[in-house]
N, C-alpha and C. Protein backbone atom coordinates (compact mmCIF):
# COMPACT_ATOMS: atom_id res chain seq x y z
N MET A 1 87.14 21.34 191.95
CA MET A 1 88.63 21.22 191.70
C MET A 1 89.15 20.69 190.59
N ASP A 2 88.69 19.90 189.92
CA ASP A 2 89.24 19.52 188.38
C ASP A 2 89.04 20.64 187.60
N THR A 3 88.10 21.41 187.73
CA THR A 3 87.77 22.54 186.80
C THR A 3 88.86 23.58 186.97
N LYS A 4 89.36 23.80 188.26
CA LYS A 4 90.36 24.73 188.38
C LYS A 4 91.59 24.48 187.86
N ILE A 5 91.89 22.85 187.96
CA ILE A 5 93.29 22.50 187.49
C ILE A 5 93.06 22.57 186.08
N ASN A 6 92.14 22.12 185.33
CA ASN A 6 92.29 22.19 183.91
C ASN A 6 92.14 23.43 183.44
N SER A 7 91.64 24.48 184.14
CA SER A 7 91.45 25.98 183.57
C SER A 7 92.76 26.37 183.99
N ALA A 8 93.53 26.08 184.89
CA ALA A 8 94.94 26.72 185.23
C ALA A 8 95.89 26.10 184.12
N SER A 9 95.65 24.78 183.90
CA SER A 9 96.49 24.33 182.82
C SER A 9 96.25 24.82 181.44
N PHE A 10 95.22 25.12 181.35
CA PHE A 10 94.76 25.67 179.81
C PHE A 10 95.45 27.37 179.92
N ARG A 11 95.41 27.88 180.98
CA ARG A 11 95.91 29.39 180.89
C ARG A 11 97.37 28.97 180.82
N SER A 12 98.29 28.11 181.50
CA SER A 12 99.55 28.01 181.52
C SER A 12 99.72 27.46 179.88
N ALA A 13 99.15 26.51 179.41
CA ALA A 13 99.34 26.45 177.90
C ALA A 13 99.30 27.47 176.91
N LEU A 14 98.17 28.21 177.15
CA LEU A 14 98.00 29.43 176.40
C LEU A 14 99.12 30.48 176.30
N ILE A 15 99.45 30.74 177.63
CA ILE A 15 100.36 31.68 178.00
C ILE A 15 101.69 31.25 177.26
N THR A 16 102.13 30.06 177.34
CA THR A 16 103.29 29.25 176.73
C THR A 16 103.33 29.46 175.50
N ALA A 17 102.19 29.03 174.61
CA ALA A 17 101.99 29.44 173.36
C ALA A 17 101.93 30.47 172.93
N THR A 18 101.54 31.67 173.50
CA THR A 18 101.75 33.06 173.01
C THR A 18 103.02 33.57 172.98
N ILE A 19 103.85 33.00 173.99
CA ILE A 19 105.30 33.44 174.14
C ILE A 19 105.96 32.97 173.04
N CYS A 20 105.74 31.76 172.70
CA CYS A 20 106.49 30.86 171.65
C CYS A 20 106.16 31.65 170.47
N LEU A 21 104.92 32.12 170.13
CA LEU A 21 104.68 32.81 168.81
C LEU A 21 105.37 33.83 168.80
N ILE A 22 105.38 34.84 169.79
CA ILE A 22 106.03 36.06 169.89
C ILE A 22 107.36 35.71 169.78
N THR A 23 108.08 35.02 170.27
CA THR A 23 109.51 34.85 170.07
C THR A 23 110.00 34.50 168.98
N GLY A 24 109.07 33.66 168.17
CA GLY A 24 109.27 32.98 166.95
C GLY A 24 108.90 34.27 165.71
N LEU A 25 108.17 34.95 166.09
CA LEU A 25 108.13 36.20 165.18
C LEU A 25 109.28 37.37 165.19
N SER A 26 109.69 37.39 166.42
CA SER A 26 110.75 38.29 166.94
C SER A 26 112.02 37.80 166.07
N TYR A 27 112.34 36.78 166.04
CA TYR A 27 113.53 35.79 165.69
C TYR A 27 113.40 35.89 164.16
N ALA A 28 112.50 36.01 163.32
CA ALA A 28 112.15 35.97 162.10
C ALA A 28 112.42 37.41 161.49
N GLN A 29 112.37 38.28 162.36
CA GLN A 29 112.56 39.65 161.93
C GLN A 29 114.15 40.16 162.54
N THR A 30 114.97 39.37 162.65
CA THR A 30 116.00 39.92 163.07
C THR A 30 117.10 39.81 162.24
N THR A 31 118.48 40.61 162.30
CA THR A 31 119.27 40.53 160.82
C THR A 31 120.09 39.25 160.74
N HIS A 32 119.79 38.24 161.42
CA HIS A 32 120.69 37.04 161.11
C HIS A 32 119.89 36.61 159.71
N ARG A 33 118.91 36.85 159.38
CA ARG A 33 118.33 36.31 158.19
C ARG A 33 119.15 36.89 156.95
N ALA A 34 119.84 38.18 157.07
CA ALA A 34 120.61 38.54 155.98
C ALA A 34 121.75 37.75 155.49
N LEU A 35 122.23 36.65 156.21
CA LEU A 35 123.27 35.84 155.98
C LEU A 35 122.95 34.29 155.42
N TRP A 36 121.85 34.12 156.19
CA TRP A 36 121.43 32.37 155.83
C TRP A 36 120.03 32.33 155.52
N GLY A 37 119.15 33.14 155.56
CA GLY A 37 117.67 32.95 155.22
C GLY A 37 117.51 33.41 153.79
N PRO A 38 116.27 33.60 153.52
CA PRO A 38 116.02 33.82 151.85
C PRO A 38 116.23 35.19 151.88
N PRO A 39 116.35 36.02 150.55
CA PRO A 39 117.01 37.19 150.29
C PRO A 39 116.26 38.26 151.12
N HIS A 40 117.20 39.14 151.41
CA HIS A 40 116.87 40.28 151.98
C HIS A 40 116.71 41.47 151.50
N ALA A 41 116.12 42.55 151.81
CA ALA A 41 115.96 43.54 150.84
C ALA A 41 117.41 44.50 150.66
N ALA A 42 118.32 44.44 151.56
CA ALA A 42 119.48 45.05 151.30
C ALA A 42 120.17 44.69 150.07
N SER A 43 120.37 43.15 149.97
CA SER A 43 120.98 42.78 148.76
C SER A 43 120.27 41.86 147.82
N GLY A 44 119.38 41.43 148.24
CA GLY A 44 118.85 40.42 147.75
C GLY A 44 119.42 39.15 147.19
N ARG A 45 120.39 39.08 147.82
CA ARG A 45 121.27 37.58 147.71
C ARG A 45 121.09 36.56 148.66
N VAL A 46 121.17 35.34 148.50
CA VAL A 46 120.81 34.33 149.52
C VAL A 46 121.98 33.27 149.71
N ALA A 47 121.85 32.70 150.61
CA ALA A 47 123.30 31.78 150.91
C ALA A 47 122.61 30.32 151.64
N SER A 48 123.50 29.33 151.14
CA SER A 48 122.87 28.08 151.51
C SER A 48 124.17 27.51 152.24
N PRO A 49 124.01 26.67 153.40
CA PRO A 49 125.52 26.02 153.74
C PRO A 49 126.33 25.50 152.79
N SER A 50 126.01 25.29 151.82
CA SER A 50 127.12 24.40 150.90
C SER A 50 127.98 25.57 150.02
N GLN A 51 127.40 26.96 149.86
CA GLN A 51 127.97 28.12 149.37
C GLN A 51 127.60 29.31 150.24
N PRO A 52 128.39 29.41 151.61
CA PRO A 52 127.76 30.78 152.28
C PRO A 52 128.56 31.79 151.89
N ILE A 53 127.92 32.78 152.10
CA ILE A 53 128.59 34.24 151.83
C ILE A 53 129.62 34.69 153.07
N ASP A 54 130.62 35.45 152.95
CA ASP A 54 131.23 35.77 153.91
C ASP A 54 130.81 37.22 154.66
N ALA A 55 130.85 37.45 155.91
CA ALA A 55 130.23 38.52 156.50
C ALA A 55 130.72 39.64 155.85
N LYS A 56 131.86 39.86 155.63
CA LYS A 56 132.52 41.07 154.90
C LYS A 56 131.83 41.19 153.50
N SER A 57 131.44 40.34 152.92
CA SER A 57 131.09 40.76 151.55
C SER A 57 129.34 40.93 151.52
N ALA A 58 128.83 40.53 152.41
CA ALA A 58 127.27 39.99 152.26
C ALA A 58 126.72 41.21 152.00
N SER A 59 127.14 42.55 152.30
CA SER A 59 126.29 43.53 151.71
C SER A 59 127.06 44.34 150.59
N SER A 60 128.05 43.81 149.90
CA SER A 60 128.58 44.44 148.87
C SER A 60 128.43 43.59 147.73
N SER A 61 128.63 44.29 146.46
CA SER A 61 128.39 43.68 144.96
C SER A 61 129.59 42.88 144.82
N ALA A 62 130.79 42.79 145.42
CA ALA A 62 131.93 41.86 145.16
C ALA A 62 131.33 40.37 145.20
N THR A 63 132.31 39.76 144.34
CA THR A 63 131.97 38.23 144.39
C THR A 63 132.36 37.73 145.78
N PRO A 64 131.50 36.90 146.67
CA PRO A 64 131.47 36.56 147.80
C PRO A 64 132.86 35.34 147.89
N LEU A 65 133.32 35.42 149.04
CA LEU A 65 134.52 34.48 149.49
C LEU A 65 133.76 33.26 149.91
N LEU A 66 134.11 32.05 149.11
CA LEU A 66 133.57 30.60 149.43
C LEU A 66 134.48 29.97 149.90
N ILE A 67 135.22 30.36 151.08
CA ILE A 67 135.88 29.36 151.95
C ILE A 67 135.19 28.57 152.90
N THR A 68 134.01 29.40 153.50
CA THR A 68 133.45 28.88 154.59
C THR A 68 132.94 27.50 154.26
N GLY A 69 132.74 26.40 155.29
CA GLY A 69 132.32 25.39 155.03
C GLY A 69 133.48 24.27 155.27
N SER A 70 133.23 22.98 154.88
CA SER A 70 134.27 21.86 155.08
C SER A 70 134.80 21.41 153.93
N TRP A 71 135.96 20.96 154.32
CA TRP A 71 136.82 20.59 153.07
C TRP A 71 137.70 19.61 153.24
N ILE A 72 138.01 18.68 152.39
CA ILE A 72 138.70 17.41 152.30
C ILE A 72 140.03 18.05 151.82
N THR A 73 141.08 17.65 152.62
CA THR A 73 142.39 18.66 152.29
C THR A 73 143.46 17.41 151.92
N SER A 74 144.36 17.63 151.11
CA SER A 74 145.34 17.06 150.76
C SER A 74 146.83 17.73 150.73
N LEU A 75 147.50 17.23 151.74
CA LEU A 75 148.73 17.94 152.05
C LEU A 75 149.98 17.28 151.65
N LYS A 76 151.23 17.89 151.47
CA LYS A 76 152.33 17.47 151.33
C LYS A 76 153.32 18.14 152.40
N ASN A 77 154.30 17.54 152.77
CA ASN A 77 155.43 18.28 153.32
C ASN A 77 156.56 18.57 152.72
N ALA A 78 157.56 19.06 153.27
CA ALA A 78 158.94 19.37 152.60
C ALA A 78 159.64 18.28 151.95
N ASP A 79 159.22 16.85 152.45
CA ASP A 79 159.88 15.76 152.03
C ASP A 79 158.78 15.10 151.03
N ASN A 80 157.80 15.63 150.69
CA ASN A 80 156.79 15.26 149.53
C ASN A 80 155.99 13.99 150.30
N TYR A 81 155.95 14.06 151.43
CA TYR A 81 155.04 13.18 152.13
C TYR A 81 153.64 13.54 152.14
N PRO A 82 152.91 12.48 151.67
CA PRO A 82 151.52 13.18 151.45
C PRO A 82 150.39 12.65 152.55
N PHE A 83 149.54 13.56 152.99
CA PHE A 83 148.70 13.14 154.21
C PHE A 83 147.25 13.91 153.81
N LYS A 84 146.21 13.57 154.52
CA LYS A 84 144.82 14.07 154.45
C LYS A 84 144.28 14.86 155.67
N ALA A 85 143.73 15.68 155.58
CA ALA A 85 143.17 16.51 156.46
C ALA A 85 141.68 16.84 156.36
N LEU A 86 140.77 17.08 157.51
CA LEU A 86 139.57 17.67 157.38
C LEU A 86 139.75 18.96 158.11
N PHE A 87 139.17 20.31 157.15
CA PHE A 87 139.27 21.49 157.50
C PHE A 87 137.69 21.90 157.40
N SER A 88 137.20 22.69 158.52
CA SER A 88 136.12 23.71 158.43
C SER A 88 136.44 24.89 158.76
N PHE A 89 136.05 25.98 158.00
CA PHE A 89 136.25 27.20 157.86
C PHE A 89 134.91 27.88 158.52
N MET A 90 134.49 28.28 159.56
CA MET A 90 133.43 28.90 159.91
C MET A 90 133.10 30.21 159.64
N LEU A 91 131.88 30.91 159.46
CA LEU A 91 131.42 31.86 158.76
C LEU A 91 132.14 33.29 159.73
N ASP A 92 132.26 32.83 161.11
CA ASP A 92 132.55 34.23 162.29
C ASP A 92 134.03 34.07 162.11
N GLY A 93 134.89 33.19 161.47
CA GLY A 93 136.32 33.43 161.29
C GLY A 93 137.07 32.37 162.11
N ASN A 94 136.35 31.41 162.92
CA ASN A 94 137.00 30.20 163.45
C ASN A 94 137.39 29.41 162.61
N PHE A 95 138.09 28.45 162.89
CA PHE A 95 138.74 27.21 162.07
C PHE A 95 138.99 25.98 162.98
N LEU A 96 138.27 24.58 162.62
CA LEU A 96 138.63 23.42 163.04
C LEU A 96 139.05 22.31 162.09
N GLY A 97 139.89 21.68 162.39
CA GLY A 97 140.72 20.71 161.70
C GLY A 97 140.85 19.55 162.39
N ALA A 98 141.16 18.47 161.55
CA ALA A 98 141.70 17.13 162.01
C ALA A 98 142.53 16.47 160.93
N THR A 99 143.66 15.85 161.53
CA THR A 99 144.61 15.31 160.35
C THR A 99 144.85 13.73 160.70
N GLN A 100 144.26 13.11 159.83
CA GLN A 100 144.73 11.75 159.56
C GLN A 100 144.71 10.83 161.03
N GLY A 101 143.95 10.75 161.87
CA GLY A 101 144.23 10.50 163.13
C GLY A 101 144.99 11.23 164.06
N ASP A 102 145.39 12.24 163.76
CA ASP A 102 146.34 13.05 164.28
C ASP A 102 147.32 12.47 164.93
N VAL A 103 147.93 11.73 164.20
CA VAL A 103 149.35 10.76 164.89
C VAL A 103 149.99 10.98 163.44
N CYS A 104 149.97 11.68 162.44
CA CYS A 104 150.61 11.47 161.21
C CYS A 104 152.04 12.31 161.33
N CYS A 105 152.39 13.05 162.59
CA CYS A 105 153.40 13.73 162.37
C CYS A 105 154.65 13.34 163.50
N GLY A 106 154.36 11.96 163.98
CA GLY A 106 155.08 11.57 165.25
C GLY A 106 154.88 11.74 166.31
N GLU A 107 153.46 12.17 166.71
CA GLU A 107 153.16 12.62 168.17
C GLU A 107 151.47 12.14 167.90
N ASN A 108 151.23 11.87 169.23
CA ASN A 108 149.71 12.06 169.29
C ASN A 108 149.38 13.60 169.39
N ALA A 109 148.16 14.04 168.70
CA ALA A 109 148.02 15.55 168.81
C ALA A 109 146.65 15.70 168.84
N THR A 110 146.08 16.84 169.52
CA THR A 110 144.80 17.22 169.35
C THR A 110 144.12 17.64 168.04
N ALA A 111 143.07 17.86 168.02
CA ALA A 111 142.30 18.45 166.83
C ALA A 111 143.02 19.96 166.44
N GLN A 112 142.95 20.37 165.29
CA GLN A 112 143.53 21.95 165.21
C GLN A 112 142.60 22.91 165.57
N HIS A 113 142.79 23.99 166.28
CA HIS A 113 141.95 24.97 166.36
C HIS A 113 142.55 26.34 166.08
N GLY A 114 141.73 27.18 165.26
CA GLY A 114 142.53 28.34 164.71
C GLY A 114 141.43 29.49 164.30
N SER A 115 141.85 30.22 163.44
CA SER A 115 141.19 31.51 163.09
C SER A 115 141.76 31.64 161.58
N TRP A 116 140.74 32.45 160.84
CA TRP A 116 140.88 32.83 159.41
C TRP A 116 140.60 34.22 159.24
N SER A 117 140.99 34.93 158.33
CA SER A 117 140.85 36.24 157.53
C SER A 117 141.06 36.16 156.26
N ALA A 118 140.25 36.92 155.42
CA ALA A 118 140.35 37.03 154.03
C ALA A 118 140.27 38.17 153.53
N ASP A 119 141.00 38.55 152.31
CA ASP A 119 141.12 39.67 151.33
C ASP A 119 140.78 39.32 150.23
N GLY A 120 139.46 39.32 149.75
CA GLY A 120 139.06 38.89 148.64
C GLY A 120 139.06 37.08 148.54
N ARG A 121 139.70 36.69 147.58
CA ARG A 121 139.84 35.47 147.50
C ARG A 121 141.10 34.74 148.07
N HIS A 122 141.98 35.47 148.59
CA HIS A 122 143.31 35.17 149.53
C HIS A 122 142.83 35.13 151.03
N VAL A 123 143.29 34.02 151.52
CA VAL A 123 142.78 33.77 152.75
C VAL A 123 144.11 33.48 153.82
N TYR A 124 143.93 33.89 154.66
CA TYR A 124 145.21 33.79 155.83
C TYR A 124 144.57 32.98 156.95
N MET A 125 145.25 31.94 157.33
CA MET A 125 144.66 31.08 158.39
C MET A 125 145.84 30.55 159.33
N THR A 126 145.71 30.50 160.68
CA THR A 126 146.70 29.87 161.39
C THR A 126 146.07 29.06 162.53
N PHE A 127 146.22 27.79 162.78
CA PHE A 127 145.74 26.96 163.92
C PHE A 127 147.00 26.48 164.79
N TYR A 128 146.63 26.00 165.76
CA TYR A 128 147.51 25.28 166.55
C TYR A 128 146.86 23.79 167.20
N HIS A 129 147.79 23.22 167.50
CA HIS A 129 147.51 21.70 167.75
C HIS A 129 148.48 21.42 169.13
N LEU A 130 147.82 20.70 169.94
CA LEU A 130 148.73 20.19 171.18
C LEU A 130 149.35 18.76 171.19
N ASP A 131 150.60 18.55 171.20
CA ASP A 131 150.97 17.38 171.08
C ASP A 131 151.24 16.80 172.63
N TYR A 132 150.83 15.46 172.61
CA TYR A 132 150.70 15.06 174.01
C TYR A 132 151.30 13.44 173.87
N ASP A 133 151.72 12.94 175.32
CA ASP A 133 151.98 11.54 175.39
C ASP A 133 150.79 10.65 175.66
N PRO A 134 150.52 9.65 174.59
CA PRO A 134 149.17 8.74 174.76
C PRO A 134 148.93 8.09 175.97
N ASP A 135 150.02 7.71 176.76
CA ASP A 135 149.71 6.83 177.93
C ASP A 135 149.59 7.70 179.21
N SER A 136 149.96 8.86 179.32
CA SER A 136 150.00 9.82 180.47
C SER A 136 149.13 11.00 180.18
N GLY A 137 149.02 11.36 178.98
CA GLY A 137 148.34 12.67 178.52
C GLY A 137 149.14 13.86 178.94
N ASP A 138 150.29 13.77 179.34
CA ASP A 138 151.08 14.95 179.52
C ASP A 138 151.34 15.61 178.22
N LEU A 139 151.59 16.94 178.34
CA LEU A 139 151.82 17.74 177.18
C LEU A 139 153.27 17.69 176.80
N VAL A 140 153.39 17.24 175.49
CA VAL A 140 154.88 17.03 174.90
C VAL A 140 155.31 18.30 174.10
N GLY A 141 154.39 19.11 173.54
CA GLY A 141 154.56 20.13 172.82
C GLY A 141 153.46 20.81 172.17
N TYR A 142 153.58 21.63 171.36
CA TYR A 142 152.57 22.19 170.35
C TYR A 142 153.15 22.71 169.16
N ALA A 143 152.26 22.94 168.09
CA ALA A 143 152.50 23.48 166.86
C ALA A 143 151.81 24.58 166.43
N ARG A 144 152.57 25.70 165.77
CA ARG A 144 151.47 26.66 165.35
C ARG A 144 151.87 26.48 163.79
N ILE A 145 150.87 26.50 162.75
CA ILE A 145 150.68 26.35 161.46
C ILE A 145 150.01 27.16 160.70
N PRO A 146 150.98 28.37 160.47
CA PRO A 146 149.98 29.73 159.39
C PRO A 146 149.85 28.86 157.86
N PHE A 147 148.93 29.23 157.39
CA PHE A 147 148.50 28.64 155.80
C PHE A 147 148.20 30.21 155.18
N ASP A 148 148.78 30.09 153.76
CA ASP A 148 148.54 31.03 152.77
C ASP A 148 147.53 30.53 151.89
N ILE A 149 146.29 30.82 151.38
CA ILE A 149 145.46 29.97 150.79
C ILE A 149 144.88 30.87 149.62
N GLN A 150 144.73 30.38 148.33
CA GLN A 150 144.20 31.27 147.18
C GLN A 150 142.76 30.15 147.01
N VAL A 151 141.60 30.80 147.01
CA VAL A 151 140.51 30.27 146.77
C VAL A 151 140.19 30.30 145.24
N GLN A 152 140.27 29.11 144.44
CA GLN A 152 140.25 29.05 143.01
C GLN A 152 138.89 29.32 142.73
N ASP A 153 137.95 28.49 143.18
CA ASP A 153 136.33 28.60 142.84
C ASP A 153 135.87 28.04 143.83
N ALA A 154 134.18 27.74 143.75
CA ALA A 154 133.36 27.64 144.86
C ALA A 154 133.83 26.36 145.84
N ASN A 155 134.62 25.40 144.87
CA ASN A 155 134.86 24.00 145.58
C ASN A 155 136.49 23.61 145.57
N HIS A 156 137.27 24.52 145.33
CA HIS A 156 138.86 24.20 145.18
C HIS A 156 139.67 25.62 145.68
N TRP A 157 140.49 25.02 146.50
CA TRP A 157 141.57 26.18 146.94
C TRP A 157 142.99 25.36 147.08
N SER A 158 143.91 26.43 146.97
CA SER A 158 145.33 25.78 146.99
C SER A 158 146.07 26.57 148.06
N GLY A 159 147.05 26.17 148.41
CA GLY A 159 148.06 26.97 149.40
C GLY A 159 149.17 26.40 149.95
N THR A 160 149.95 27.25 150.70
CA THR A 160 151.18 26.72 151.39
C THR A 160 150.82 27.16 152.80
N TRP A 161 151.81 26.09 153.38
CA TRP A 161 151.76 26.17 154.86
C TRP A 161 153.24 26.17 155.41
N THR A 162 153.33 26.46 156.89
CA THR A 162 154.78 26.25 157.53
C THR A 162 154.37 26.01 158.93
N ALA A 163 154.81 24.94 159.38
CA ALA A 163 154.49 24.33 160.72
C ALA A 163 156.01 24.63 161.76
N TYR A 164 155.53 25.48 162.68
CA TYR A 164 156.54 25.53 163.69
C TYR A 164 156.34 24.65 164.88
N ASP A 165 157.18 23.72 165.04
CA ASP A 165 156.94 22.82 166.49
C ASP A 165 157.72 23.23 167.59
N TYR A 166 157.12 23.25 168.80
CA TYR A 166 157.56 23.65 170.47
C TYR A 166 157.46 22.71 171.13
N ASP A 167 158.62 22.72 172.05
CA ASP A 167 158.52 21.85 173.26
C ASP A 167 157.21 22.51 174.14
N ALA A 168 157.02 21.71 175.30
CA ALA A 168 156.15 21.93 176.13
C ALA A 168 156.39 23.47 176.75
N ASP A 169 157.63 23.82 176.92
CA ASP A 169 158.05 25.11 177.48
C ASP A 169 158.08 26.48 176.45
N GLY A 170 157.77 26.08 174.83
CA GLY A 170 157.61 26.89 174.09
C GLY A 170 158.96 27.40 173.53
N HIS A 171 160.01 26.45 173.45
CA HIS A 171 161.35 26.50 172.70
C HIS A 171 160.94 25.87 171.24
N LEU A 172 161.38 26.53 170.32
CA LEU A 172 161.09 26.22 169.19
C LEU A 172 162.13 25.05 168.59
N LEU A 173 161.41 23.65 168.16
CA LEU A 173 162.29 22.63 167.81
C LEU A 173 162.43 22.20 166.47
N ASP A 174 161.64 22.76 165.48
CA ASP A 174 161.64 22.43 164.33
C ASP A 174 160.56 23.04 163.62
N THR A 175 161.01 23.03 162.32
CA THR A 175 159.82 23.85 161.12
C THR A 175 159.87 22.79 160.24
N ASP A 176 158.66 22.91 159.69
CA ASP A 176 158.30 22.12 158.14
C ASP A 176 157.44 22.86 157.31
N ASN A 177 157.70 22.61 156.04
CA ASN A 177 156.62 23.52 155.18
C ASN A 177 156.05 22.59 154.23
N GLY A 178 155.00 23.14 153.11
CA GLY A 178 154.50 22.08 152.15
C GLY A 178 153.29 22.82 151.50
N THR A 179 152.77 22.24 150.88
CA THR A 179 151.55 22.47 150.02
C THR A 179 150.17 21.80 150.55
N ALA A 180 149.12 22.56 149.92
CA ALA A 180 147.72 21.71 150.55
C ALA A 180 146.69 22.27 149.39
N GLN A 181 145.82 21.35 148.95
CA GLN A 181 144.83 21.38 148.22
C GLN A 181 143.58 21.18 148.83
N GLY A 182 142.58 21.97 148.97
CA GLY A 182 141.30 21.73 149.43
C GLY A 182 140.34 21.46 148.43
N MET A 183 139.44 20.35 148.87
CA MET A 183 138.11 20.22 147.75
C MET A 183 136.97 20.31 148.66
N ARG A 184 135.95 21.02 148.24
CA ARG A 184 134.79 21.27 149.29
C ARG A 184 133.90 19.93 149.39
N ILE A 185 133.44 19.76 150.77
CA ILE A 185 132.60 18.51 151.06
C ILE A 185 131.32 19.30 150.88
N THR A 186 130.52 18.57 149.82
CA THR A 186 129.34 18.89 149.38
C THR A 186 128.35 18.07 149.97
N PRO A 187 127.05 18.46 150.05
CA PRO A 187 125.78 17.56 150.61
C PRO A 187 125.55 16.05 149.73
N ARG A 188 125.83 16.57 148.30
CA ARG A 188 125.63 15.56 147.32
C ARG A 188 126.63 15.46 146.03
């Protein structure tokens, strides 16, 4: 009886190991390697998380756009009020951000969620955040904030923004605008 159990266990382990090996080899051969792995035959270029290549320029000879990654961002509004934010631009065009505890603008707010697109070193990005009552959690309003960004080099960008603040029913309450400077967060 023990021989049957050990034999069955051995066969099960062997089948599992074979499936894992085949899956790993198949994964290594897929096109995802073109953006994040070692150089590939089509372009011979390589990207690392600290300086990713955007999907649009991965197969071209143009200078890659280096907005993807995380940034410490210094902002000023129309009244010259300074504040900080953390911005993350994902390779797939998604955006996530957080601003100084997200209570800098008079309300409690969620993190920012949005998307971006690029034309060379010119980046267009828009995000939304929800404003809420901290005691009840009720929606108070929301903001839509488009940015116009110019990437200067691999570690710096500057831009302008306009904030459109709405009440919970979608009526425009106020607008603000300002400037922003981004500095890449690097591993070292």
